[in-house]
Amino acid sequence: MLVNLPEKRYYSIGEIAKAFNVNTSLLRFWEKEFAEIQPKKKKSGTRKYTPEDVANIQRIYHLIKEKGLTLEGTRKQLKLKHSLKGTWL
């Protein structure tokens, strides 16, 4: 999936959810399930996602929504990618 986001330092959870056409609750769930997504949080709890977070969300989205992998399968693929230091997507 190609994500159409303007280039900037931080994105809100709403911007990310809209770009990927998912609910904000799914992003919060993935944040708990995958260590690769670590948005910065303000004192108020507002999440701010970096471009690196967006790239990681895009990888996770691709594996789960487009390839149909389970959460465990996605974790294994991400771990394999990190161990091989390969690039994809």
PDB file of N, CA and C in Angstrom:
ATOM      1  N   MET A   1       0.848  -1.186   0.000  1.00  0.00           N
ATOM      2  CA  MET A   1       0.000   0.000   0.000  1.00  0.00           C
ATOM      3  C   MET A   1       0.883   1.235   0.000  1.00  0.00           C
ATOM      4  N   LEU A   2       0.588   2.127  -0.893  1.00  0.00           N
ATOM      5  CA  LEU A   2       1.301   3.393  -0.957  1.00  0.00           C
ATOM      6  C   LEU A   2       0.594   4.389  -0.048  1.00  0.00           C
ATOM      7  N   VAL A   3       1.351   5.008   0.835  1.00  0.00           N
ATOM      8  CA  VAL A   3       0.778   5.946   1.791  1.00  0.00           C
ATOM      9  C   VAL A   3       1.040   7.365   1.310  1.00  0.00           C
ATOM     10  N   ASN A   4      -0.007   8.157   1.303  1.00  0.00           N
ATOM     11  CA  ASN A   4       0.106   9.533   0.831  1.00  0.00           C
ATOM     12  C   ASN A   4       0.082  10.479   2.031  1.00  0.00           C
ATOM     13  N   LEU A   5       1.270  10.734   2.587  1.00  0.00           N
ATOM     14  CA  LEU A   5       1.397  11.653   3.719  1.00  0.00           C
ATOM     15  C   LEU A   5       2.382  12.753   3.347  1.00  0.00           C
ATOM     16  N   PRO A   6       2.106  13.975   3.771  1.00  0.00           N
ATOM     17  CA  PRO A   6       3.077  15.046   3.524  1.00  0.00           C
ATOM     18  C   PRO A   6       4.332  14.796   4.358  1.00  0.00           C
ATOM     19  N   GLU A   7       5.471  15.278   3.872  1.00  0.00           N
ATOM     20  CA  GLU A   7       6.713  15.118   4.628  1.00  0.00           C
ATOM     21  C   GLU A   7       6.721  16.075   5.803  1.00  0.00           C
ATOM     22  N   LYS A   8       6.825  15.508   7.003  1.00  0.00           N
ATOM     23  CA  LYS A   8       6.973  16.322   8.196  1.00  0.00           C
ATOM     24  C   LYS A   8       7.590  15.476   9.300  1.00  0.00           C
ATOM     25  N   ARG A   9       7.932  16.111  10.395  1.00  0.00           N
ATOM     26  CA  ARG A   9       8.657  15.443  11.467  1.00  0.00           C
ATOM     27  C   ARG A   9       7.776  14.488  12.271  1.00  0.00           C
ATOM     28  N   TYR A  10       6.537  14.890  12.549  1.00  0.00           N
ATOM     29  CA  TYR A  10       5.628  14.080  13.352  1.00  0.00           C
ATOM     30  C   TYR A  10       4.236  14.052  12.739  1.00  0.00           C
ATOM     31  N   TYR A  11       3.552  12.928  12.941  1.00  0.00           N
ATOM     32  CA  TYR A  11       2.184  12.755  12.466  1.00  0.00           C
ATOM     33  C   TYR A  11       1.300  12.363  13.644  1.00  0.00           C
ATOM     34  N   SER A  12       0.058  12.781  13.609  1.00  0.00           N
ATOM     35  CA  SER A  12      -0.893  12.401  14.657  1.00  0.00           C
ATOM     36  C   SER A  12      -1.447  11.012  14.350  1.00  0.00           C
ATOM     37  N   ILE A  13      -2.035  10.392  15.346  1.00  0.00           N
ATOM     38  CA  ILE A  13      -2.618   9.066  15.155  1.00  0.00           C
ATOM     39  C   ILE A  13      -3.758   9.127  14.136  1.00  0.00           C
ATOM     40  N   GLY A  14      -4.488  10.230  14.117  1.00  0.00           N
ATOM     41  CA  GLY A  14      -5.576  10.396  13.159  1.00  0.00           C
ATOM     42  C   GLY A  14      -5.086  10.456  11.722  1.00  0.00           C
ATOM     43  N   GLU A  15      -3.973  11.160  11.509  1.00  0.00           N
ATOM     44  CA  GLU A  15      -3.398  11.239  10.165  1.00  0.00           C
ATOM     45  C   GLU A  15      -2.947   9.868   9.677  1.00  0.00           C
ATOM     46  N   ILE A  16      -2.322   9.107  10.575  1.00  0.00           N
ATOM     47  CA  ILE A  16      -1.833   7.777  10.214  1.00  0.00           C
ATOM     48  C   ILE A  16      -3.010   6.848   9.930  1.00  0.00           C
ATOM     49  N   ALA A  17      -4.013   6.884  10.793  1.00  0.00           N
ATOM     50  CA  ALA A  17      -5.190   6.031  10.614  1.00  0.00           C
ATOM     51  C   ALA A  17      -5.875   6.327   9.283  1.00  0.00           C
ATOM     52  N   LYS A  18      -6.010   7.590   8.954  1.00  0.00           N
ATOM     53  CA  LYS A  18      -6.656   7.981   7.694  1.00  0.00           C
ATOM     54  C   LYS A  18      -5.820   7.527   6.499  1.00  0.00           C
ATOM     55  N   ALA A  19      -4.496   7.680   6.570  1.00  0.00           N
ATOM     56  CA  ALA A  19      -3.617   7.302   5.467  1.00  0.00           C
ATOM     57  C   ALA A  19      -3.681   5.798   5.184  1.00  0.00           C
ATOM     58  N   PHE A  20      -3.816   4.992   6.239  1.00  0.00           N
ATOM     59  CA  PHE A  20      -3.863   3.535   6.081  1.00  0.00           C
ATOM     60  C   PHE A  20      -5.288   2.986   6.046  1.00  0.00           C
ATOM     61  N   ASN A  21      -6.265   3.869   6.209  1.00  0.00           N
ATOM     62  CA  ASN A  21      -7.677   3.480   6.217  1.00  0.00           C
ATOM     63  C   ASN A  21      -7.958   2.423   7.290  1.00  0.00           C
ATOM     64  N   VAL A  22      -7.461   2.697   8.505  1.00  0.00           N
ATOM     65  CA  VAL A  22      -7.695   1.811   9.655  1.00  0.00           C
ATOM     66  C   VAL A  22      -8.188   2.666  10.827  1.00  0.00           C
ATOM     67  N   ASN A  23      -8.701   2.009  11.850  1.00  0.00           N
ATOM     68  CA  ASN A  23      -9.125   2.719  13.051  1.00  0.00           C
ATOM     69  C   ASN A  23      -7.916   3.060  13.921  1.00  0.00           C
ATOM     70  N   THR A  24      -8.047   4.125  14.694  1.00  0.00           N
ATOM     71  CA  THR A  24      -6.969   4.497  15.614  1.00  0.00           C
ATOM     72  C   THR A  24      -6.749   3.407  16.656  1.00  0.00           C
ATOM     73  N   SER A  25      -7.803   2.678  17.003  1.00  0.00           N
ATOM     74  CA  SER A  25      -7.658   1.594  17.981  1.00  0.00           C
ATOM     75  C   SER A  25      -6.745   0.488  17.456  1.00  0.00           C
ATOM     76  N   LEU A  26      -6.766   0.243  16.158  1.00  0.00           N
ATOM     77  CA  LEU A  26      -5.875  -0.769  15.578  1.00  0.00           C
ATOM     78  C   LEU A  26      -4.420  -0.327  15.704  1.00  0.00           C
ATOM     79  N   LEU A  27      -4.163   0.942  15.476  1.00  0.00           N
ATOM     80  CA  LEU A  27      -2.795   1.458  15.624  1.00  0.00           C
ATOM     81  C   LEU A  27      -2.324   1.335  17.070  1.00  0.00           C
ATOM     82  N   ARG A  28      -3.205   1.635  18.017  1.00  0.00           N
ATOM     83  CA  ARG A  28      -2.838   1.488  19.430  1.00  0.00           C
ATOM     84  C   ARG A  28      -2.590   0.020  19.776  1.00  0.00           C
ATOM     85  N   PHE A  29      -3.372  -0.884  19.206  1.00  0.00           N
ATOM     86  CA  PHE A  29      -3.174  -2.310  19.423  1.00  0.00           C
ATOM     87  C   PHE A  29      -1.829  -2.757  18.855  1.00  0.00           C
ATOM     88  N   TRP A  30      -1.532  -2.370  17.622  1.00  0.00           N
ATOM     89  CA  TRP A  30      -0.245  -2.737  17.006  1.00  0.00           C
ATOM     90  C   TRP A  30       0.917  -2.171  17.806  1.00  0.00           C
ATOM     91  N   GLU A  31       0.723  -1.003  18.374  1.00  0.00           N
ATOM     92  CA  GLU A  31       1.761  -0.384  19.200  1.00  0.00           C
ATOM     93  C   GLU A  31       2.110  -1.288  20.393  1.00  0.00           C
ATOM     94  N   LYS A  32       1.098  -1.940  20.952  1.00  0.00           N
ATOM     95  CA  LYS A  32       1.324  -2.857  22.076  1.00  0.00           C
ATOM     96  C   LYS A  32       1.929  -4.175  21.606  1.00  0.00           C
ATOM     97  N   GLU A  33       1.569  -4.603  20.412  1.00  0.00           N
ATOM     98  CA  GLU A  33       2.004  -5.902  19.901  1.00  0.00           C
ATOM     99  C   GLU A  33       3.391  -5.883  19.250  1.00  0.00           C
ATOM    100  N   PHE A  34       3.800  -4.753  18.714  1.00  0.00           N
ATOM    101  CA  PHE A  34       5.045  -4.674  17.957  1.00  0.00           C
ATOM    102  C   PHE A  34       5.956  -3.589  18.521  1.00  0.00           C
ATOM    103  N   ALA A  35       7.124  -4.007  18.966  1.00  0.00           N
ATOM    104  CA  ALA A  35       8.099  -3.066  19.534  1.00  0.00           C
ATOM    105  C   ALA A  35       8.611  -2.068  18.497  1.00  0.00           C
ATOM    106  N   GLU A  36       8.426  -2.379  17.225  1.00  0.00           N
ATOM    107  CA  GLU A  36       8.895  -1.493  16.153  1.00  0.00           C
ATOM    108  C   GLU A  36       8.120  -0.179  16.087  1.00  0.00           C
ATOM    109  N   ILE A  37       6.950  -0.148  16.677  1.00  0.00           N
ATOM    110  CA  ILE A  37       6.136   1.084  16.673  1.00  0.00           C
ATOM    111  C   ILE A  37       6.243   1.719  18.055  1.00  0.00           C
ATOM    112  N   GLN A  38       6.945   2.810  18.152  1.00  0.00           N
ATOM    113  CA  GLN A  38       7.145   3.502  19.428  1.00  0.00           C
ATOM    114  C   GLN A  38       6.927   5.005  19.249  1.00  0.00           C
ATOM    115  N   PRO A  39       5.672   5.438  19.116  1.00  0.00           N
ATOM    116  CA  PRO A  39       5.450   6.874  18.949  1.00  0.00           C
ATOM    117  C   PRO A  39       5.833   7.635  20.218  1.00  0.00           C
ATOM    118  N   LYS A  40       6.237   8.854  20.024  1.00  0.00           N
ATOM    119  CA  LYS A  40       6.520   9.711  21.173  1.00  0.00           C
ATOM    120  C   LYS A  40       5.173  10.127  21.761  1.00  0.00           C
ATOM    121  N   LYS A  41       5.129  10.234  23.079  1.00  0.00           N
ATOM    122  CA  LYS A  41       3.881  10.637  23.726  1.00  0.00           C
ATOM    123  C   LYS A  41       4.112  11.909  24.522  1.00  0.00           C
ATOM    124  N   LYS A  42       3.194  12.851  24.337  1.00  0.00           N
ATOM    125  CA  LYS A  42       3.232  14.079  25.115  1.00  0.00           C
ATOM    126  C   LYS A  42       2.701  13.781  26.507  1.00  0.00           C
ATOM    127  N   LYS A  43       2.862  14.716  27.407  1.00  0.00           N
ATOM    128  CA  LYS A  43       2.346  14.541  28.774  1.00  0.00           C
ATOM    129  C   LYS A  43       0.840  14.280  28.769  1.00  0.00           C
ATOM    130  N   SER A  44       0.166  14.840  27.798  1.00  0.00           N
ATOM    131  CA  SER A  44      -1.282  14.661  27.700  1.00  0.00           C
ATOM    132  C   SER A  44      -1.658  13.277  27.147  1.00  0.00           C
ATOM    133  N   GLY A  45      -0.650  12.516  26.677  1.00  0.00           N
ATOM    134  CA  GLY A  45      -0.908  11.191  26.125  1.00  0.00           C
ATOM    135  C   GLY A  45      -1.050  11.182  24.614  1.00  0.00           C
ATOM    136  N   THR A  46      -1.009  12.352  23.998  1.00  0.00           N
ATOM    137  CA  THR A  46      -1.124  12.454  22.554  1.00  0.00           C
ATOM    138  C   THR A  46       0.089  11.792  21.893  1.00  0.00           C
ATOM    139  N   ARG A  47      -0.193  10.904  20.932  1.00  0.00           N
ATOM    140  CA  ARG A  47       0.878  10.209  20.230  1.00  0.00           C
ATOM    141  C   ARG A  47       1.354  11.023  19.035  1.00  0.00           C
ATOM    142  N   LYS A  48       2.665  11.007  18.827  1.00  0.00           N
ATOM    143  CA  LYS A  48       3.267  11.648  17.666  1.00  0.00           C
ATOM    144  C   LYS A  48       4.166  10.631  16.988  1.00  0.00           C
ATOM    145  N   TYR A  49       3.799  10.247  15.776  1.00  0.00           N
ATOM    146  CA  TYR A  49       4.520   9.227  15.029  1.00  0.00           C
ATOM    147  C   TYR A  49       5.580   9.866  14.136  1.00  0.00           C
ATOM    148  N   THR A  50       6.760   9.268  14.118  1.00  0.00           N
ATOM    149  CA  THR A  50       7.853   9.737  13.267  1.00  0.00           C
ATOM    150  C   THR A  50       7.745   9.050  11.903  1.00  0.00           C
ATOM    151  N   PRO A  51       8.466   9.550  10.905  1.00  0.00           N
ATOM    152  CA  PRO A  51       8.490   8.854   9.608  1.00  0.00           C
ATOM    153  C   PRO A  51       8.977   7.400   9.734  1.00  0.00           C
ATOM    154  N   GLU A  52       9.871   7.132  10.676  1.00  0.00           N
ATOM    155  CA  GLU A  52      10.325   5.750  10.909  1.00  0.00           C
ATOM    156  C   GLU A  52       9.170   4.889  11.428  1.00  0.00           C
ATOM    157  N   ASP A  53       8.361   5.441  12.327  1.00  0.00           N
ATOM    158  CA  ASP A  53       7.175   4.722  12.799  1.00  0.00           C
ATOM    159  C   ASP A  53       6.239   4.427  11.633  1.00  0.00           C
ATOM    160  N   VAL A  54       6.060   5.398  10.761  1.00  0.00           N
ATOM    161  CA  VAL A  54       5.180   5.224   9.603  1.00  0.00           C
ATOM    162  C   VAL A  54       5.695   4.087   8.715  1.00  0.00           C
ATOM    163  N   ALA A  55       7.009   4.037   8.488  1.00  0.00           N
ATOM    164  CA  ALA A  55       7.594   2.966   7.682  1.00  0.00           C
ATOM    165  C   ALA A  55       7.362   1.606   8.336  1.00  0.00           C
ATOM    166  N   ASN A  56       7.496   1.530   9.653  1.00  0.00           N
ATOM    167  CA  ASN A  56       7.255   0.276  10.365  1.00  0.00           C
ATOM    168  C   ASN A  56       5.781  -0.118  10.310  1.00  0.00           C
ATOM    169  N   ILE A  57       4.895   0.845  10.428  1.00  0.00           N
ATOM    170  CA  ILE A  57       3.458   0.569  10.317  1.00  0.00           C
ATOM    171  C   ILE A  57       3.152   0.063   8.914  1.00  0.00           C
ATOM    172  N   GLN A  58       3.802   0.649   7.923  1.00  0.00           N
ATOM    173  CA  GLN A  58       3.579   0.220   6.542  1.00  0.00           C
ATOM    174  C   GLN A  58       4.009  -1.236   6.348  1.00  0.00           C
ATOM    175  N   ARG A  59       5.135  -1.627   6.934  1.00  0.00           N
ATOM    176  CA  ARG A  59       5.590  -3.020   6.848  1.00  0.00           C
ATOM    177  C   ARG A  59       4.594  -3.959   7.532  1.00  0.00           C
ATOM    178  N   ILE A  60       4.163  -3.568   8.726  1.00  0.00           N
ATOM    179  CA  ILE A  60       3.210  -4.389   9.478  1.00  0.00           C
ATOM    180  C   ILE A  60       1.882  -4.485   8.731  1.00  0.00           C
ATOM    181  N   TYR A  61       1.406  -3.368   8.212  1.00  0.00           N
ATOM    182  CA  TYR A  61       0.166  -3.356   7.432  1.00  0.00           C
ATOM    183  C   TYR A  61       0.285  -4.310   6.246  1.00  0.00           C
ATOM    184  N   HIS A  62       1.393  -4.227   5.533  1.00  0.00           N
ATOM    185  CA  HIS A  62       1.620  -5.076   4.361  1.00  0.00           C
ATOM    186  C   HIS A  62       1.556  -6.558   4.736  1.00  0.00           C
ATOM    187  N   LEU A  63       2.239  -6.920   5.805  1.00  0.00           N
ATOM    188  CA  LEU A  63       2.295  -8.326   6.200  1.00  0.00           C
ATOM    189  C   LEU A  63       0.947  -8.845   6.706  1.00  0.00           C
ATOM    190  N   ILE A  64       0.242  -8.032   7.467  1.00  0.00           N
ATOM    191  CA  ILE A  64      -1.031  -8.486   8.051  1.00  0.00           C
ATOM    192  C   ILE A  64      -2.195  -8.327   7.075  1.00  0.00           C
ATOM    193  N   LYS A  65      -2.366  -7.135   6.547  1.00  0.00           N
ATOM    194  CA  LYS A  65      -3.558  -6.846   5.744  1.00  0.00           C
ATOM    195  C   LYS A  65      -3.436  -7.317   4.293  1.00  0.00           C
ATOM    196  N   GLU A  66      -2.239  -7.218   3.717  1.00  0.00           N
ATOM    197  CA  GLU A  66      -2.083  -7.569   2.306  1.00  0.00           C
ATOM    198  C   GLU A  66      -1.607  -9.005   2.109  1.00  0.00           C
ATOM    199  N   LYS A  67      -0.698  -9.465   2.941  1.00  0.00           N
ATOM    200  CA  LYS A  67      -0.188 -10.836   2.812  1.00  0.00           C
ATOM    201  C   LYS A  67      -0.996 -11.834   3.633  1.00  0.00           C
ATOM    202  N   GLY A  68      -1.743 -11.359   4.622  1.00  0.00           N
ATOM    203  CA  GLY A  68      -2.600 -12.228   5.416  1.00  0.00           C
ATOM    204  C   GLY A  68      -1.891 -12.984   6.526  1.00  0.00           C
ATOM    205  N   LEU A  69      -0.719 -12.507   6.951  1.00  0.00           N
ATOM    206  CA  LEU A  69      -0.006 -13.171   8.031  1.00  0.00           C
ATOM    207  C   LEU A  69      -0.697 -12.926   9.370  1.00  0.00           C
ATOM    208  N   THR A  70      -0.467 -13.840  10.302  1.00  0.00           N
ATOM    209  CA  THR A  70      -0.957 -13.661  11.660  1.00  0.00           C
ATOM    210  C   THR A  70      -0.026 -12.697  12.394  1.00  0.00           C
ATOM    211  N   LEU A  71      -0.400 -12.312  13.601  1.00  0.00           N
ATOM    212  CA  LEU A  71       0.477 -11.448  14.398  1.00  0.00           C
ATOM    213  C   LEU A  71       1.811 -12.142  14.648  1.00  0.00           C
ATOM    214  N   GLU A  72       1.758 -13.427  14.999  1.00  0.00           N
ATOM    215  CA  GLU A  72       2.990 -14.182  15.251  1.00  0.00           C
ATOM    216  C   GLU A  72       3.835 -14.301  13.984  1.00  0.00           C
ATOM    217  N   GLY A  73       3.196 -14.563  12.863  1.00  0.00           N
ATOM    218  CA  GLY A  73       3.916 -14.645  11.587  1.00  0.00           C
ATOM    219  C   GLY A  73       4.560 -13.317  11.232  1.00  0.00           C
ATOM    220  N   THR A  74       3.864 -12.242  11.516  1.00  0.00           N
ATOM    221  CA  THR A  74       4.406 -10.907  11.247  1.00  0.00           C
ATOM    222  C   THR A  74       5.605 -10.636  12.141  1.00  0.00           C
ATOM    223  N   ARG A  75       5.510 -11.014  13.430  1.00  0.00           N
ATOM    224  CA  ARG A  75       6.652 -10.839  14.339  1.00  0.00           C
ATOM    225  C   ARG A  75       7.870 -11.597  13.830  1.00  0.00           C
ATOM    226  N   LYS A  76       7.656 -12.825  13.351  1.00  0.00           N
ATOM    227  CA  LYS A  76       8.767 -13.636  12.833  1.00  0.00           C
ATOM    228  C   LYS A  76       9.388 -12.985  11.605  1.00  0.00           C
ATOM    229  N   GLN A  77       8.561 -12.475  10.711  1.00  0.00           N
ATOM    230  CA  GLN A  77       9.075 -11.813   9.502  1.00  0.00           C
ATOM    231  C   GLN A  77       9.877 -10.564   9.861  1.00  0.00           C
ATOM    232  N   LEU A  78       9.380  -9.787  10.803  1.00  0.00           N
ATOM    233  CA  LEU A  78      10.091  -8.574  11.214  1.00  0.00           C
ATOM    234  C   LEU A  78      11.404  -8.928  11.892  1.00  0.00           C
ATOM    235  N   LYS A  79      11.404  -9.980  12.699  1.00  0.00           N
ATOM    236  CA  LYS A  79      12.629 -10.426  13.367  1.00  0.00           C
ATOM    237  C   LYS A  79      13.637 -10.918  12.332  1.00  0.00           C
ATOM    238  N   LEU A  80      13.161 -11.674  11.354  1.00  0.00           N
ATOM    239  CA  LEU A  80      14.025 -12.176  10.286  1.00  0.00           C
ATOM    240  C   LEU A  80      14.620 -11.016   9.498  1.00  0.00           C
ATOM    241  N   LYS A  81      13.811 -10.036   9.205  1.00  0.00           N
ATOM    242  CA  LYS A  81      14.282  -8.854   8.470  1.00  0.00           C
ATOM    243  C   LYS A  81      15.372  -8.140   9.246  1.00  0.00           C
ATOM    244  N   HIS A  82      15.167  -8.005  10.568  1.00  0.00           N
ATOM    245  CA  HIS A  82      16.166  -7.326  11.400  1.00  0.00           C
ATOM    246  C   HIS A  82      17.459  -8.129  11.471  1.00  0.00           C
ATOM    247  N   SER A  83      17.354  -9.449  11.555  1.00  0.00           N
ATOM    248  CA  SER A  83      18.553 -10.278  11.676  1.00  0.00           C
ATOM    249  C   SER A  83      19.331 -10.317  10.366  1.00  0.00           C
ATOM    250  N   LEU A  84      18.636 -10.236   9.240  1.00  0.00           N
ATOM    251  CA  LEU A  84      19.305 -10.248   7.939  1.00  0.00           C
ATOM    252  C   LEU A  84      19.686  -8.838   7.495  1.00  0.00           C
ATOM    253  N   LYS A  85      19.098  -7.850   8.164  1.00  0.00           N
ATOM    254  CA  LYS A  85      19.295  -6.452   7.792  1.00  0.00           C
ATOM    255  C   LYS A  85      18.956  -6.217   6.318  1.00  0.00           C
ATOM    256  N   GLY A  86      17.935  -6.934   5.871  1.00  0.00           N
ATOM    257  CA  GLY A  86      17.473  -6.805   4.490  1.00  0.00           C
ATOM    258  C   GLY A  86      16.546  -5.612   4.342  1.00  0.00           C
ATOM    259  N   THR A  87      16.353  -5.222   3.136  1.00  0.00           N
ATOM    260  CA  THR A  87      15.393  -4.153   2.871  1.00  0.00           C
ATOM    261  C   THR A  87      14.298  -4.694   1.977  1.00  0.00           C
ATOM    262  N   TRP A  88      13.106  -4.292   2.244  1.00  0.00           N
ATOM    263  CA  TRP A  88      11.959  -4.664   1.448  1.00  0.00           C
ATOM    264  C   TRP A  88      10.897  -3.621   1.629  1.00  0.00           C
ATOM    265  N   LEU A  89       9.935  -3.660   0.788  1.00  0.00           N
ATOM    266  CA  LEU A  89       8.842  -2.693   0.716  1.00  0.00           C
ATOM    267  C   LEU A  89       9.243  -1.456   0.064  1.00  0.00           C
TER     268      LEU A  89
END
